[in-house]
Amino acid sequence: MTTLAIDCSTQACSVALFEGADLRAYDHRILGRGHAEQLVPMIAALPGKGEADRILVALGPGSFTGIRIGIATARALGLAWKAKVEGYPTLALVAAMARAENGPIDIDVAMHGGHGEWFVQGFDAEGKALGEVRSLAPAEAAGTAKSEIVAGTQADALVEQRNWGTAMSTHPDARFALHLPAHALSPEIRPIYGRAPDAKPTADTSVTP
């Protein structure tokens, strides 16, 4: 089975193509913005233009725009290729990356959120989430992280905030998608935002005659 993994839920944008368990090709870029313009060309540059039997896509949390771009692209390619599409939480991928480097141990993940907050979530040695992802102020986030190793874009800041532990500063990377445990994958392709959207619908102030 061939698998295409897509992750553009943060400032990073990455794609990886696997043949069975073997990595055939990948691309990983720190973009900040411009995921919509970069993602499809990155996939098209992979062998066979990235066509695969299965597509794995990051569901977030992270960038609202990046999450939606990744999901829309995965859905469109899934229809075109008649491929199975599954989603995974972004923080679960970061935890899997940390376990790949450090072995089967508990991991806390701390990622950039919005409005000065961080997305935080703990995972056990088998990759099972120890609670829901939360968007917290730095001091509160540091108080909830109990594992020795902290991974993610805010790992250094969290370890400094709580004054102990080991930081693994990293962005999500689609090359590690096959390290995700099976229970982290879902056929329900819905965004995980982790917090309420910044923009709220305008109330209807019209007057009915």
Protein backbone atom coordinates (compact mmCIF):
# COMPACT_ATOMS: atom_id res chain seq x y z
CA MET A 1 0.00 0.00 0.00
CA THR A 2 1.20 3.50 -0.81
CA THR A 3 0.51 6.29 1.67
CA LEU A 4 0.62 10.05 1.24
CA ALA A 5 0.93 12.03 4.49
CA ILE A 6 0.07 15.73 4.62
CA ASP A 7 0.66 18.15 7.49
CA CYS A 8 0.19 21.88 7.04
CA SER A 9 -1.56 22.63 10.32
CA THR A 10 1.23 24.88 11.65
CA GLN A 11 3.84 27.24 10.21
CA ALA A 12 5.45 24.13 8.75
CA CYS A 13 4.16 22.40 5.64
CA SER A 14 5.25 18.83 4.94
CA VAL A 15 4.35 15.93 2.69
CA ALA A 16 5.70 12.39 2.61
CA LEU A 17 5.12 9.43 0.32
CA PHE A 18 5.52 5.86 1.60
CA GLU A 19 5.68 2.50 -0.18
CA GLY A 20 4.52 0.14 2.53
CA ALA A 21 6.58 1.17 5.56
CA ASP A 22 9.39 2.67 3.45
CA LEU A 23 9.72 6.41 2.92
CA ARG A 24 10.05 7.12 -0.80
CA ALA A 25 10.20 10.92 -0.80
CA TYR A 26 9.29 13.92 1.31
CA ASP A 27 9.34 17.70 1.51
CA HIS A 28 9.30 19.79 4.69
CA ARG A 29 9.24 23.59 4.70
CA ILE A 30 8.76 26.30 7.33
CA LEU A 31 6.46 28.66 5.46
CA GLY A 32 4.64 30.73 8.04
CA ARG A 33 2.10 31.58 5.35
CA GLY A 34 1.43 30.48 1.80
CA HIS A 35 0.33 26.90 2.44
CA ALA A 36 -2.41 27.18 -0.19
CA GLU A 37 0.13 28.07 -2.88
CA GLN A 38 2.81 25.58 -1.81
CA LEU A 39 1.00 22.39 -0.79
CA VAL A 40 -0.25 21.07 -4.14
CA PRO A 41 3.07 21.72 -5.98
CA MET A 42 4.90 19.96 -3.14
CA ILE A 43 2.67 16.90 -3.59
CA ALA A 44 2.96 17.03 -7.39
CA ALA A 45 6.77 16.97 -7.09
CA LEU A 46 6.67 13.59 -5.32
CA PRO A 47 7.14 10.37 -7.36
CA GLY A 48 4.02 9.61 -9.38
CA LYS A 49 2.77 13.09 -8.43
CA GLY A 50 2.13 11.73 -4.95
CA GLU A 51 -0.71 9.42 -5.95
CA ALA A 52 -1.39 6.90 -3.20
CA ASP A 53 -3.85 4.28 -1.96
CA ARG A 54 -4.22 6.04 1.39
CA ILE A 55 -3.95 9.65 2.53
CA LEU A 56 -3.20 10.73 6.10
CA VAL A 57 -3.87 14.38 6.94
CA ALA A 58 -3.36 16.53 10.04
CA LEU A 59 -6.59 17.73 11.65
CA GLY A 60 -5.03 20.28 14.03
CA PRO A 61 -5.02 22.13 16.27
CA GLY A 62 -2.90 24.88 14.81
CA SER A 63 -3.48 27.37 12.03
CA PHE A 64 -7.17 27.59 11.14
CA THR A 65 -6.25 28.28 7.51
CA GLY A 66 -3.58 25.59 7.27
CA ILE A 67 -5.86 22.96 8.77
CA ARG A 68 -8.62 23.70 6.27
CA ILE A 69 -6.20 23.72 3.32
CA GLY A 70 -4.75 20.35 4.29
CA ILE A 71 -8.16 18.74 4.79
CA ALA A 72 -9.60 20.16 1.56
CA THR A 73 -6.60 18.93 -0.41
CA ALA A 74 -6.74 15.47 1.14
CA ARG A 75 -10.45 15.15 0.42
CA ALA A 76 -10.05 16.27 -3.19
CA LEU A 77 -7.17 13.89 -3.86
CA GLY A 78 -9.01 11.08 -2.10
CA LEU A 79 -11.91 11.49 -4.49
CA ALA A 80 -9.68 11.78 -7.55
CA TRP A 81 -7.55 8.75 -6.66
CA LYS A 82 -10.31 6.74 -4.94
CA ALA A 83 -8.00 6.64 -1.94
CA LYS A 84 -8.84 6.06 1.71
CA VAL A 85 -8.52 9.29 3.72
CA GLU A 86 -7.80 9.30 7.45
CA GLY A 87 -7.05 12.15 9.81
CA TYR A 88 -4.82 12.45 12.86
CA PRO A 89 -4.34 15.06 15.60
CA THR A 90 -1.31 17.27 15.03
CA LEU A 91 -0.13 16.98 18.63
CA ALA A 92 -0.29 13.18 18.39
CA LEU A 93 2.17 13.35 15.48
CA VAL A 94 4.56 15.53 17.49
CA ALA A 95 4.36 13.05 20.37
CA ALA A 96 5.07 10.20 17.94
CA MET A 97 8.12 12.08 16.69
CA ALA A 98 9.38 12.41 20.26
CA ARG A 99 8.84 8.70 20.96
CA ALA A 100 10.69 7.80 17.75
CA GLU A 101 13.73 9.61 19.13
CA ASN A 102 13.44 8.81 22.84
CA GLY A 103 11.66 5.44 22.99
CA PRO A 104 8.27 4.53 24.51
CA ILE A 105 7.91 7.12 27.26
CA ASP A 106 5.34 9.69 28.36
CA ILE A 107 5.51 12.93 26.38
CA ASP A 108 3.99 16.37 26.85
CA VAL A 109 3.44 18.43 23.71
CA ALA A 110 3.41 22.23 23.69
CA MET A 111 2.61 24.07 20.47
CA HIS A 112 2.06 27.69 19.50
CA GLY A 113 -1.59 28.65 19.90
CA GLY A 114 -3.28 32.01 19.59
CA HIS A 115 -3.49 35.15 21.69
CA GLY A 116 -0.31 34.25 23.59
CA GLU A 117 -1.56 30.81 24.59
CA TRP A 118 -0.11 27.36 23.93
CA PHE A 119 -1.80 24.15 22.86
CA VAL A 120 -0.81 21.49 25.39
CA GLN A 121 -1.57 17.78 25.69
CA GLY A 122 0.03 14.77 27.36
CA PHE A 123 0.53 11.32 25.81
CA ASP A 124 1.50 8.03 27.39
CA ALA A 125 4.20 5.64 26.20
CA GLU A 126 1.80 4.04 23.70
CA GLY A 127 0.72 7.35 22.21
CA LYS A 128 -2.65 7.51 23.94
CA ALA A 129 -3.80 11.02 24.85
CA LEU A 130 -3.96 11.56 28.61
CA GLY A 131 -6.63 14.23 28.25
CA GLU A 132 -8.12 16.67 25.79
CA VAL A 133 -5.96 19.22 24.04
CA ARG A 134 -6.18 22.58 25.81
CA SER A 135 -5.26 26.15 24.92
CA LEU A 136 -3.67 27.69 28.01
CA ALA A 137 -1.64 30.68 29.11
CA PRO A 138 2.07 29.81 29.49
CA ALA A 139 2.10 29.67 33.29
CA GLU A 140 -0.95 27.41 33.41
CA ALA A 141 0.40 25.25 30.60
CA ALA A 142 3.67 24.75 32.48
CA GLY A 143 1.73 23.69 35.56
CA THR A 144 -0.12 20.95 33.67
CA ALA A 145 2.91 19.39 31.92
CA LYS A 146 4.23 16.57 34.11
CA SER A 147 6.48 14.58 31.75
CA GLU A 148 10.25 14.88 31.70
CA ILE A 149 10.30 15.42 27.93
CA VAL A 150 8.33 18.21 26.26
CA ALA A 151 8.08 18.31 22.46
CA GLY A 152 6.79 20.93 20.05
CA THR A 153 7.31 24.50 18.93
CA GLN A 154 6.91 25.81 22.50
CA ALA A 155 8.90 23.04 24.19
CA ASP A 156 11.86 25.28 25.05
CA ALA A 157 9.60 27.98 26.45
CA LEU A 158 7.58 25.54 28.57
CA VAL A 159 10.66 23.83 30.03
CA GLU A 160 12.10 27.26 30.85
CA GLN A 161 8.78 28.33 32.38
CA ARG A 162 8.61 25.35 34.77
CA ASN A 163 12.42 25.26 35.26
CA TRP A 164 12.93 21.52 34.73
CA GLY A 165 12.82 18.81 32.09
CA THR A 166 14.14 18.27 28.56
CA ALA A 167 12.86 20.16 25.53
CA MET A 168 12.57 18.74 22.02
CA SER A 169 11.87 21.77 19.86
CA THR A 170 10.22 20.65 16.63
CA HIS A 171 7.54 21.32 14.05
CA PRO A 172 5.24 18.54 12.83
CA ASP A 173 6.84 16.45 10.09
CA ALA A 174 4.85 14.16 7.78
CA ARG A 175 7.85 11.79 7.52
CA PHE A 176 6.83 10.43 10.93
CA ALA A 177 3.17 9.78 10.09
CA LEU A 178 3.61 6.01 10.10
CA HIS A 179 4.85 6.24 13.70
CA LEU A 180 1.34 7.24 14.74
CA PRO A 181 -0.50 4.51 16.66
CA ALA A 182 -3.55 3.07 14.92
CA HIS A 183 -5.87 4.53 17.55
CA ALA A 184 -4.76 8.05 16.59
CA LEU A 185 -6.18 7.70 13.06
CA SER A 186 -9.80 8.49 12.29
CA PRO A 187 -12.00 8.26 9.17
CA GLU A 188 -13.86 11.35 10.45
CA ILE A 189 -12.09 14.23 8.75
CA ARG A 190 -13.05 17.13 10.96
CA PRO A 191 -10.83 20.02 12.09
CA ILE A 192 -9.55 20.05 15.66
CA TYR A 193 -9.28 23.74 16.45
CA GLY A 194 -8.47 23.50 20.16
CA ARG A 195 -10.11 26.84 20.87
CA ALA A 196 -12.94 29.01 19.62
CA PRO A 197 -12.43 30.82 16.29
CA ASP A 198 -11.17 34.41 16.53
CA ALA A 199 -14.04 35.65 14.36
CA LYS A 200 -17.63 35.14 15.41
CA PRO A 201 -20.69 35.32 13.15
CA THR A 202 -22.34 38.73 13.15
CA ALA A 203 -25.70 38.76 14.87
CA ASP A 204 -28.69 39.16 12.57
CA THR A 205 -30.04 42.61 13.34
CA SER A 206 -32.49 42.74 10.46
CA VAL A 207 -36.13 43.53 11.25
CA THR A 208 -38.80 41.27 9.84
CA PRO A 209 -41.74 43.31 8.45
